[in-house]
Amino acid sequence: MSLADKIFVDMCKDILENGTSTEGEKVRPHWEDGASAYTIKKFGVVNRYDLAKEFPAITLRKTAIKTCTEEMLWIWQRKSNNIHDLNSTVWDEWADENGSIGKAYGYQLGVKHQYREGMMDQVDRVIYDLKNNPFSRRIMTNIYVHQDLHEMNLYPCAYSMTFNVTCREGDEKLTLNAILNQRSQDVLTANNWNVCQYAVLMHMLAQVCDMKVGELVHVIADAHIYDRHVPLVKELIAREQHPAPKFKLNPEIKDFYQFTTNDITIEDYVTGEQIKNIPVAI
């Protein structure tokens, strides 16, 4: 069975059984009808996925891997903050009349900074170091930029990636590992979405830097289940589990900026039915 399923089920059970409630507290999120959106939450959830063993898509329900990859490429490859550059509707509610989400996400990754090696943005700096200084302990991105928060339509949730390269005895290639730091996560709607898109990112970066994929460690400061999601989560984690799907990436692509969602192949992805009309707190 999929290890991602086990991790997801164990996390949800822990939140529901051992988490704390925000009911009655002053909270920012609300439902479409105006009611406050309370949560059951756990602080400091850490999940580890070995990408060398399987692709971490849950099978309890289908994760739209190509769609979540499209969002990742919008942020990391196009470095855009405009929904007109995104081939999905997931950011529509946070965009202004011109399609902008403000100085958030892709905008921050595209800002160029002066380094000793020259002017680079954060993505190009990561790729440069993975190719030229792979054992550096300084290979990371950070898009939670305080001076620009007032110009962001949504503060970044997944805000930092820290990359770390290891050398396994007997391997011809180095192994790429990473930590994804997330300040807050709506577990039902976003958990496996984020896990899959950053797993794809690691596969892409490993390929263009001639490495193997290793561990993705997902650190969530506030992992929560919304009050109206509780019955949905309980039904979801009781479902039958299936083997993880097979993930393939077009081996011909050696430039990160040449990848498209068409370069991804997902095989043998057997899942439970999708949950429809999930209420989303805003």
C-alpha atoms as a PDB file:
ATOM      1  CA  MET A   1       0.000   0.000   0.000  1.00  0.00           C
ATOM      2  CA  SER A   2       1.034   3.616  -0.491  1.00  0.00           C
ATOM      3  CA  LEU A   3       3.256   4.962   2.283  1.00  0.00           C
ATOM      4  CA  ALA A   4       1.727   8.386   1.583  1.00  0.00           C
ATOM      5  CA  ASP A   5      -1.675   6.950   2.565  1.00  0.00           C
ATOM      6  CA  LYS A   6      -0.311   5.694   5.890  1.00  0.00           C
ATOM      7  CA  ILE A   7       1.348   9.030   6.634  1.00  0.00           C
ATOM      8  CA  PHE A   8      -1.833  10.930   5.762  1.00  0.00           C
ATOM      9  CA  VAL A   9      -4.124   8.675   7.792  1.00  0.00           C
ATOM     10  CA  ASP A  10      -1.831   8.713  10.838  1.00  0.00           C
ATOM     11  CA  MET A  11      -1.546  12.506  10.668  1.00  0.00           C
ATOM     12  CA  CYS A  12      -5.313  13.004  10.428  1.00  0.00           C
ATOM     13  CA  LYS A  13      -5.990  10.615  13.291  1.00  0.00           C
ATOM     14  CA  ASP A  14      -3.424  12.403  15.439  1.00  0.00           C
ATOM     15  CA  ILE A  15      -4.980  15.789  14.705  1.00  0.00           C
ATOM     16  CA  LEU A  16      -8.521  14.574  15.413  1.00  0.00           C
ATOM     17  CA  GLU A  17      -7.583  12.645  18.568  1.00  0.00           C
ATOM     18  CA  ASN A  18      -4.855  14.836  20.057  1.00  0.00           C
ATOM     19  CA  GLY A  19      -5.263  18.260  18.468  1.00  0.00           C
ATOM     20  CA  THR A  20      -6.542  21.451  20.033  1.00  0.00           C
ATOM     21  CA  SER A  21      -9.608  23.398  18.910  1.00  0.00           C
ATOM     22  CA  THR A  22      -9.815  27.091  18.004  1.00  0.00           C
ATOM     23  CA  GLU A  23     -13.588  27.149  18.521  1.00  0.00           C
ATOM     24  CA  GLY A  24     -14.661  30.338  20.258  1.00  0.00           C
ATOM     25  CA  GLU A  25     -11.338  32.048  19.596  1.00  0.00           C
ATOM     26  CA  LYS A  26     -10.799  35.070  17.362  1.00  0.00           C
ATOM     27  CA  VAL A  27      -9.906  33.593  13.957  1.00  0.00           C
ATOM     28  CA  ARG A  28      -9.395  35.207  10.542  1.00  0.00           C
ATOM     29  CA  PRO A  29     -10.799  32.495   8.201  1.00  0.00           C
ATOM     30  CA  HIS A  30     -14.527  32.339   7.559  1.00  0.00           C
ATOM     31  CA  TRP A  31     -16.972  30.333   5.482  1.00  0.00           C
ATOM     32  CA  GLU A  32     -18.832  31.665   2.472  1.00  0.00           C
ATOM     33  CA  ASP A  33     -21.907  32.214   4.648  1.00  0.00           C
ATOM     34  CA  GLY A  34     -19.887  34.454   6.969  1.00  0.00           C
ATOM     35  CA  ALA A  35     -19.542  32.013   9.874  1.00  0.00           C
ATOM     36  CA  SER A  36     -16.126  31.731  11.518  1.00  0.00           C
ATOM     37  CA  ALA A  37     -14.092  28.757  10.278  1.00  0.00           C
ATOM     38  CA  TYR A  38     -12.693  26.986  13.333  1.00  0.00           C
ATOM     39  CA  THR A  39     -10.102  24.218  13.244  1.00  0.00           C
ATOM     40  CA  ILE A  40      -8.683  21.271  15.137  1.00  0.00           C
ATOM     41  CA  LYS A  41      -4.919  21.733  14.900  1.00  0.00           C
ATOM     42  CA  LYS A  42      -1.581  20.159  15.700  1.00  0.00           C
ATOM     43  CA  PHE A  43       1.615  22.144  16.071  1.00  0.00           C
ATOM     44  CA  GLY A  44       4.846  21.028  14.432  1.00  0.00           C
ATOM     45  CA  VAL A  45       3.831  18.102  12.212  1.00  0.00           C
ATOM     46  CA  VAL A  46       6.792  16.496  10.415  1.00  0.00           C
ATOM     47  CA  ASN A  47       6.282  13.955   7.603  1.00  0.00           C
ATOM     48  CA  ARG A  48       9.072  12.205   5.689  1.00  0.00           C
ATOM     49  CA  TYR A  49       8.729  10.822   2.154  1.00  0.00           C
ATOM     50  CA  ASP A  50      11.449   8.751   0.479  1.00  0.00           C
ATOM     51  CA  LEU A  51      11.022   9.670  -3.178  1.00  0.00           C
ATOM     52  CA  ALA A  52      13.516   6.978  -4.182  1.00  0.00           C
ATOM     53  CA  LYS A  53      11.027   4.340  -3.035  1.00  0.00           C
ATOM     54  CA  GLU A  54       7.711   5.704  -4.313  1.00  0.00           C
ATOM     55  CA  PHE A  55       5.907   8.781  -5.537  1.00  0.00           C
ATOM     56  CA  PRO A  56       3.962  10.182  -2.548  1.00  0.00           C
ATOM     57  CA  ALA A  57       0.466  10.473  -3.997  1.00  0.00           C
ATOM     58  CA  ILE A  58      -2.315   9.273  -1.733  1.00  0.00           C
ATOM     59  CA  THR A  59      -4.721   6.728  -3.179  1.00  0.00           C
ATOM     60  CA  LEU A  60      -7.618   7.393  -0.795  1.00  0.00           C
ATOM     61  CA  ARG A  61      -8.773   9.890  -3.426  1.00  0.00           C
ATOM     62  CA  LYS A  62      -7.121  11.195  -6.563  1.00  0.00           C
ATOM     63  CA  THR A  63      -4.618  14.028  -6.373  1.00  0.00           C
ATOM     64  CA  ALA A  64      -4.511  15.997  -9.628  1.00  0.00           C
ATOM     65  CA  ILE A  65      -0.767  15.657 -10.081  1.00  0.00           C
ATOM     66  CA  LYS A  66      -0.508  17.488 -13.391  1.00  0.00           C
ATOM     67  CA  THR A  67      -2.654  20.348 -12.100  1.00  0.00           C
ATOM     68  CA  CYS A  68      -0.620  20.767  -8.922  1.00  0.00           C
ATOM     69  CA  THR A  69       2.536  20.604 -11.047  1.00  0.00           C
ATOM     70  CA  GLU A  70       1.133  23.379 -13.241  1.00  0.00           C
ATOM     71  CA  GLU A  71       0.804  25.571 -10.135  1.00  0.00           C
ATOM     72  CA  MET A  72       4.352  24.689  -9.040  1.00  0.00           C
ATOM     73  CA  LEU A  73       5.733  25.614 -12.470  1.00  0.00           C
ATOM     74  CA  TRP A  74       3.768  28.887 -12.379  1.00  0.00           C
ATOM     75  CA  ILE A  75       5.595  29.753  -9.174  1.00  0.00           C
ATOM     76  CA  TRP A  76       9.035  28.196  -9.652  1.00  0.00           C
ATOM     77  CA  GLN A  77       9.540  28.272 -13.413  1.00  0.00           C
ATOM     78  CA  ARG A  78       7.476  31.204 -14.713  1.00  0.00           C
ATOM     79  CA  LYS A  79       7.916  33.070 -11.405  1.00  0.00           C
ATOM     80  CA  SER A  80       4.569  34.695 -12.011  1.00  0.00           C
ATOM     81  CA  ASN A  81       2.110  36.377  -9.687  1.00  0.00           C
ATOM     82  CA  ASN A  82      -0.646  36.685 -12.299  1.00  0.00           C
ATOM     83  CA  ILE A  83      -3.386  34.089 -12.761  1.00  0.00           C
ATOM     84  CA  HIS A  84      -3.480  34.766 -16.504  1.00  0.00           C
ATOM     85  CA  ASP A  85      -0.164  32.851 -16.648  1.00  0.00           C
ATOM     86  CA  LEU A  86      -1.679  29.890 -14.789  1.00  0.00           C
ATOM     87  CA  ASN A  87      -3.676  27.189 -16.554  1.00  0.00           C
ATOM     88  CA  SER A  88      -5.994  26.508 -13.605  1.00  0.00           C
ATOM     89  CA  THR A  89      -8.426  28.385 -11.379  1.00  0.00           C
ATOM     90  CA  VAL A  90      -6.973  27.596  -7.933  1.00  0.00           C
ATOM     91  CA  TRP A  91      -5.813  31.183  -7.330  1.00  0.00           C
ATOM     92  CA  ASP A  92      -8.779  33.059  -8.804  1.00  0.00           C
ATOM     93  CA  GLU A  93     -10.314  34.145  -5.486  1.00  0.00           C
ATOM     94  CA  TRP A  94      -7.079  35.873  -4.400  1.00  0.00           C
ATOM     95  CA  ALA A  95      -6.484  37.768  -7.647  1.00  0.00           C
ATOM     96  CA  ASP A  96      -7.359  41.410  -8.256  1.00  0.00           C
ATOM     97  CA  GLU A  97      -9.121  42.796 -11.320  1.00  0.00           C
ATOM     98  CA  ASN A  98      -5.873  42.553 -13.302  1.00  0.00           C
ATOM     99  CA  GLY A  99      -5.189  38.968 -12.276  1.00  0.00           C
ATOM    100  CA  SER A 100      -2.401  39.815  -9.834  1.00  0.00           C
ATOM    101  CA  ILE A 101      -2.008  38.186  -6.407  1.00  0.00           C
ATOM    102  CA  GLY A 102       0.429  40.915  -5.375  1.00  0.00           C
ATOM    103  CA  LYS A 103       4.105  40.526  -4.496  1.00  0.00           C
ATOM    104  CA  ALA A 104       3.622  36.899  -3.517  1.00  0.00           C
ATOM    105  CA  TYR A 105       4.915  33.445  -4.421  1.00  0.00           C
ATOM    106  CA  GLY A 106       6.407  33.523  -7.938  1.00  0.00           C
ATOM    107  CA  TYR A 107       7.104  37.233  -7.721  1.00  0.00           C
ATOM    108  CA  GLN A 108       9.474  36.686  -4.799  1.00  0.00           C
ATOM    109  CA  LEU A 109      11.314  33.813  -6.490  1.00  0.00           C
ATOM    110  CA  GLY A 110      11.879  36.004  -9.537  1.00  0.00           C
ATOM    111  CA  VAL A 111      13.465  38.943  -7.709  1.00  0.00           C
ATOM    112  CA  LYS A 112      17.154  39.100  -8.624  1.00  0.00           C
ATOM    113  CA  HIS A 113      19.772  39.526  -5.902  1.00  0.00           C
ATOM    114  CA  GLN A 114      23.454  40.348  -6.047  1.00  0.00           C
ATOM    115  CA  TYR A 115      25.735  37.436  -5.164  1.00  0.00           C
ATOM    116  CA  ARG A 116      29.494  37.072  -5.436  1.00  0.00           C
ATOM    117  CA  GLU A 117      28.843  35.007  -8.572  1.00  0.00           C
ATOM    118  CA  GLY A 118      26.596  37.673 -10.113  1.00  0.00           C
ATOM    119  CA  MET A 119      22.897  38.642 -10.271  1.00  0.00           C
ATOM    120  CA  MET A 120      20.527  35.698  -9.826  1.00  0.00           C
ATOM    121  CA  ASP A 121      17.032  35.052  -8.594  1.00  0.00           C
ATOM    122  CA  GLN A 122      16.390  32.417  -5.914  1.00  0.00           C
ATOM    123  CA  VAL A 123      15.590  29.550  -8.303  1.00  0.00           C
ATOM    124  CA  ASP A 124      18.667  30.132 -10.441  1.00  0.00           C
ATOM    125  CA  ARG A 125      20.758  30.391  -7.271  1.00  0.00           C
ATOM    126  CA  VAL A 126      19.523  26.971  -6.147  1.00  0.00           C
ATOM    127  CA  ILE A 127      20.278  25.385  -9.510  1.00  0.00           C
ATOM    128  CA  TYR A 128      23.708  27.074  -9.648  1.00  0.00           C
ATOM    129  CA  ASP A 129      24.664  25.777  -6.213  1.00  0.00           C
ATOM    130  CA  LEU A 130      23.335  22.268  -6.805  1.00  0.00           C
ATOM    131  CA  LYS A 131      25.549  22.071  -9.886  1.00  0.00           C
ATOM    132  CA  ASN A 132      28.615  23.883  -8.543  1.00  0.00           C
ATOM    133  CA  ASN A 133      28.479  23.674  -4.717  1.00  0.00           C
ATOM    134  CA  PRO A 134      26.282  20.642  -4.005  1.00  0.00           C
ATOM    135  CA  PHE A 135      27.517  20.141  -0.430  1.00  0.00           C
ATOM    136  CA  SER A 136      26.780  23.717   0.574  1.00  0.00           C
ATOM    137  CA  ARG A 137      24.477  24.013   3.592  1.00  0.00           C
ATOM    138  CA  ARG A 138      23.117  27.304   2.249  1.00  0.00           C
ATOM    139  CA  ILE A 139      20.963  26.100  -0.646  1.00  0.00           C
ATOM    140  CA  MET A 140      17.506  27.427   0.133  1.00  0.00           C
ATOM    141  CA  THR A 141      14.653  29.701  -0.895  1.00  0.00           C
ATOM    142  CA  ASN A 142      12.445  31.961   1.217  1.00  0.00           C
ATOM    143  CA  ILE A 143       9.391  33.833  -0.051  1.00  0.00           C
ATOM    144  CA  TYR A 144       8.079  35.090   3.311  1.00  0.00           C
ATOM    145  CA  VAL A 145       9.466  38.589   2.803  1.00  0.00           C
ATOM    146  CA  HIS A 146       8.200  40.828   5.601  1.00  0.00           C
ATOM    147  CA  GLN A 147       8.623  44.162   3.843  1.00  0.00           C
ATOM    148  CA  ASP A 148       6.338  42.956   1.035  1.00  0.00           C
ATOM    149  CA  LEU A 149       3.632  41.226   3.080  1.00  0.00           C
ATOM    150  CA  HIS A 150       1.337  44.250   2.891  1.00  0.00           C
ATOM    151  CA  GLU A 151       1.378  43.900  -0.908  1.00  0.00           C
ATOM    152  CA  MET A 152       0.501  40.188  -0.927  1.00  0.00           C
ATOM    153  CA  ASN A 153      -3.121  39.129  -1.405  1.00  0.00           C
ATOM    154  CA  LEU A 154      -2.314  35.965   0.566  1.00  0.00           C
ATOM    155  CA  TYR A 155       0.666  35.425   2.847  1.00  0.00           C
ATOM    156  CA  PRO A 156       2.742  32.431   1.655  1.00  0.00           C
ATOM    157  CA  CYS A 157       1.753  29.137   3.270  1.00  0.00           C
ATOM    158  CA  ALA A 158       4.560  26.956   1.890  1.00  0.00           C
ATOM    159  CA  TYR A 159       7.299  29.534   2.201  1.00  0.00           C
ATOM    160  CA  SER A 160      10.729  27.894   2.215  1.00  0.00           C
ATOM    161  CA  MET A 161      12.674  25.037   0.649  1.00  0.00           C
ATOM    162  CA  THR A 162      16.034  23.935   2.029  1.00  0.00           C
ATOM    163  CA  PHE A 163      18.012  21.568  -0.177  1.00  0.00           C
ATOM    164  CA  ASN A 164      20.646  19.157   1.088  1.00  0.00           C
ATOM    165  CA  VAL A 165      22.788  16.803  -0.981  1.00  0.00           C
ATOM    166  CA  THR A 166      24.141  13.493   0.302  1.00  0.00           C
ATOM    167  CA  CYS A 167      26.534  10.916  -1.117  1.00  0.00           C
ATOM    168  CA  ARG A 168      25.432   7.342  -0.575  1.00  0.00           C
ATOM    169  CA  GLU A 169      28.156   4.712  -0.612  1.00  0.00           C
ATOM    170  CA  GLY A 170      28.211   2.798  -3.879  1.00  0.00           C
ATOM    171  CA  ASP A 171      26.025   5.287  -5.770  1.00  0.00           C
ATOM    172  CA  GLU A 172      27.330   6.867  -8.936  1.00  0.00           C
ATOM    173  CA  LYS A 173      25.147   9.940  -8.477  1.00  0.00           C
ATOM    174  CA  LEU A 174      24.597  12.301  -5.563  1.00  0.00           C
ATOM    175  CA  THR A 175      21.222  12.304  -3.812  1.00  0.00           C
ATOM    176  CA  LEU A 176      19.025  15.407  -3.573  1.00  0.00           C
ATOM    177  CA  ASN A 177      17.005  15.872  -0.377  1.00  0.00           C
ATOM    178  CA  ALA A 178      14.877  18.800   0.721  1.00  0.00           C
ATOM    179  CA  ILE A 179      12.818  20.239   3.557  1.00  0.00           C
ATOM    180  CA  LEU A 180       9.576  22.030   2.736  1.00  0.00           C
ATOM    181  CA  ASN A 181       8.595  24.489   5.468  1.00  0.00           C
ATOM    182  CA  GLN A 182       4.948  25.464   5.711  1.00  0.00           C
ATOM    183  CA  ARG A 183       3.492  27.873   8.275  1.00  0.00           C
ATOM    184  CA  SER A 184      -0.096  26.650   7.893  1.00  0.00           C
ATOM    185  CA  GLN A 185      -1.988  23.952   6.043  1.00  0.00           C
ATOM    186  CA  ASP A 186      -5.604  22.991   5.434  1.00  0.00           C
ATOM    187  CA  VAL A 187      -4.974  19.243   5.587  1.00  0.00           C
ATOM    188  CA  LEU A 188      -8.006  18.064   3.624  1.00  0.00           C
ATOM    189  CA  THR A 189      -7.733  20.405   0.654  1.00  0.00           C
ATOM    190  CA  ALA A 190      -3.992  21.019   0.402  1.00  0.00           C
ATOM    191  CA  ASN A 191      -1.803  18.434   2.125  1.00  0.00           C
ATOM    192  CA  ASN A 192      -1.179  15.920  -0.626  1.00  0.00           C
ATOM    193  CA  TRP A 193      -1.420  18.648  -3.260  1.00  0.00           C
ATOM    194  CA  ASN A 194       1.637  20.359  -1.750  1.00  0.00           C
ATOM    195  CA  VAL A 195       3.480  17.087  -1.144  1.00  0.00           C
ATOM    196  CA  CYS A 196       3.046  15.993  -4.768  1.00  0.00           C
ATOM    197  CA  GLN A 197       3.989  19.308  -6.346  1.00  0.00           C
ATOM    198  CA  TYR A 198       7.205  19.602  -4.337  1.00  0.00           C
ATOM    199  CA  ALA A 199       8.012  15.960  -5.006  1.00  0.00           C
ATOM    200  CA  VAL A 200       7.746  16.744  -8.716  1.00  0.00           C
ATOM    201  CA  LEU A 201       9.980  19.797  -8.219  1.00  0.00           C
ATOM    202  CA  MET A 202      12.613  17.607  -6.580  1.00  0.00           C
ATOM    203  CA  HIS A 203      12.456  15.087  -9.420  1.00  0.00           C
ATOM    204  CA  MET A 204      12.926  17.897 -11.947  1.00  0.00           C
ATOM    205  CA  LEU A 205      15.817  19.545 -10.112  1.00  0.00           C
ATOM    206  CA  ALA A 206      17.530  16.207  -9.523  1.00  0.00           C
ATOM    207  CA  GLN A 207      17.308  15.368 -13.209  1.00  0.00           C
ATOM    208  CA  VAL A 208      18.692  18.673 -14.488  1.00  0.00           C
ATOM    209  CA  CYS A 209      21.499  18.572 -11.877  1.00  0.00           C
ATOM    210  CA  ASP A 210      22.363  14.917 -12.644  1.00  0.00           C
ATOM    211  CA  MET A 211      21.329  13.634  -9.212  1.00  0.00           C
ATOM    212  CA  LYS A 212      18.986  11.058  -7.708  1.00  0.00           C
ATOM    213  CA  VAL A 213      15.971  11.962  -5.614  1.00  0.00           C
ATOM    214  CA  GLY A 214      16.065  11.262  -1.909  1.00  0.00           C
ATOM    215  CA  GLU A 215      13.920  12.424   1.001  1.00  0.00           C
ATOM    216  CA  LEU A 216      11.309  15.154   1.056  1.00  0.00           C
ATOM    217  CA  VAL A 217      10.697  16.277   4.628  1.00  0.00           C
ATOM    218  CA  HIS A 218       7.493  18.275   5.102  1.00  0.00           C
ATOM    219  CA  VAL A 219       7.379  20.482   8.199  1.00  0.00           C
ATOM    220  CA  ILE A 220       4.007  22.068   9.005  1.00  0.00           C
ATOM    221  CA  ALA A 221       3.818  24.564  11.858  1.00  0.00           C
ATOM    222  CA  ASP A 222      -0.006  24.549  12.029  1.00  0.00           C
ATOM    223  CA  ALA A 223      -1.600  21.455  10.480  1.00  0.00           C
ATOM    224  CA  HIS A 224      -5.353  21.795  10.804  1.00  0.00           C
ATOM    225  CA  ILE A 225      -8.698  20.272   9.892  1.00  0.00           C
ATOM    226  CA  TYR A 226     -11.576  22.733   9.582  1.00  0.00           C
ATOM    227  CA  ASP A 227     -14.727  22.098  11.581  1.00  0.00           C
ATOM    228  CA  ARG A 228     -16.849  21.495   8.479  1.00  0.00           C
ATOM    229  CA  HIS A 229     -14.212  19.106   7.101  1.00  0.00           C
ATOM    230  CA  VAL A 230     -14.169  16.718  10.066  1.00  0.00           C
ATOM    231  CA  PRO A 231     -16.829  14.267   8.772  1.00  0.00           C
ATOM    232  CA  LEU A 232     -15.229  14.321   5.309  1.00  0.00           C
ATOM    233  CA  VAL A 233     -11.805  13.500   6.747  1.00  0.00           C
ATOM    234  CA  LYS A 234     -13.199  10.688   8.896  1.00  0.00           C
ATOM    235  CA  GLU A 235     -14.815   9.100   5.847  1.00  0.00           C
ATOM    236  CA  LEU A 236     -11.691   9.603   3.730  1.00  0.00           C
ATOM    237  CA  ILE A 237      -9.204   7.974   6.107  1.00  0.00           C
ATOM    238  CA  ALA A 238     -11.463   4.907   6.487  1.00  0.00           C
ATOM    239  CA  ARG A 239     -11.241   4.125   2.768  1.00  0.00           C
ATOM    240  CA  GLU A 240      -9.394   1.270   1.087  1.00  0.00           C
ATOM    241  CA  GLN A 241      -5.734   1.969   0.314  1.00  0.00           C
ATOM    242  CA  HIS A 242      -3.922   1.035  -2.904  1.00  0.00           C
ATOM    243  CA  PRO A 243      -0.291   0.819  -4.091  1.00  0.00           C
ATOM    244  CA  ALA A 244       1.449   4.066  -4.954  1.00  0.00           C
ATOM    245  CA  PRO A 245       1.383   5.125  -8.617  1.00  0.00           C
ATOM    246  CA  LYS A 246       4.445   5.032 -10.830  1.00  0.00           C
ATOM    247  CA  PHE A 247       5.919   8.442 -11.714  1.00  0.00           C
ATOM    248  CA  LYS A 248       7.999   9.071 -14.823  1.00  0.00           C
ATOM    249  CA  LEU A 249       9.700  12.231 -16.055  1.00  0.00           C
ATOM    250  CA  ASN A 250      10.821  12.840 -19.633  1.00  0.00           C
ATOM    251  CA  PRO A 251      14.539  11.959 -19.448  1.00  0.00           C
ATOM    252  CA  GLU A 252      15.373  14.187 -22.415  1.00  0.00           C
ATOM    253  CA  ILE A 253      14.816  17.429 -20.473  1.00  0.00           C
ATOM    254  CA  LYS A 254      18.048  18.781 -18.991  1.00  0.00           C
ATOM    255  CA  ASP A 255      16.974  22.414 -18.517  1.00  0.00           C
ATOM    256  CA  PHE A 256      14.534  23.150 -15.694  1.00  0.00           C
ATOM    257  CA  TYR A 257      12.904  25.907 -17.759  1.00  0.00           C
ATOM    258  CA  GLN A 258      11.976  23.451 -20.511  1.00  0.00           C
ATOM    259  CA  PHE A 259       9.739  21.223 -18.384  1.00  0.00           C
ATOM    260  CA  THR A 260       5.991  21.215 -18.965  1.00  0.00           C
ATOM    261  CA  THR A 261       3.241  19.097 -17.450  1.00  0.00           C
ATOM    262  CA  ASN A 262       3.401  16.997 -20.628  1.00  0.00           C
ATOM    263  CA  ASP A 263       6.785  15.692 -19.460  1.00  0.00           C
ATOM    264  CA  ILE A 264       5.090  13.881 -16.564  1.00  0.00           C
ATOM    265  CA  THR A 265       3.627  10.401 -16.826  1.00  0.00           C
ATOM    266  CA  ILE A 266       1.584   8.820 -14.025  1.00  0.00           C
ATOM    267  CA  GLU A 267       0.867   5.104 -14.318  1.00  0.00           C
ATOM    268  CA  ASP A 268      -1.171   2.595 -12.290  1.00  0.00           C
ATOM    269  CA  TYR A 269      -2.866   5.279 -10.196  1.00  0.00           C
ATOM    270  CA  VAL A 270      -5.834   3.505  -8.602  1.00  0.00           C
ATOM    271  CA  THR A 271      -7.810   5.689  -6.183  1.00  0.00           C
ATOM    272  CA  GLY A 272     -11.027   6.112  -4.294  1.00  0.00           C
ATOM    273  CA  GLU A 273     -13.635   8.501  -5.644  1.00  0.00           C
ATOM    274  CA  GLN A 274     -13.137  12.239  -5.423  1.00  0.00           C
ATOM    275  CA  ILE A 275     -14.809  14.242  -2.662  1.00  0.00           C
ATOM    276  CA  LYS A 276     -17.010  16.850  -4.314  1.00  0.00           C
ATOM    277  CA  ASN A 277     -18.084  20.300  -3.098  1.00  0.00           C
ATOM    278  CA  ILE A 278     -15.567  20.605  -0.271  1.00  0.00           C
ATOM    279  CA  PRO A 279     -16.297  23.902   1.535  1.00  0.00           C
ATOM    280  CA  VAL A 280     -13.246  26.170   1.410  1.00  0.00           C
ATOM    281  CA  ALA A 281     -12.503  28.641   4.201  1.00  0.00           C
ATOM    282  CA  ILE A 282     -11.316  32.040   3.028  1.00  0.00           C
END
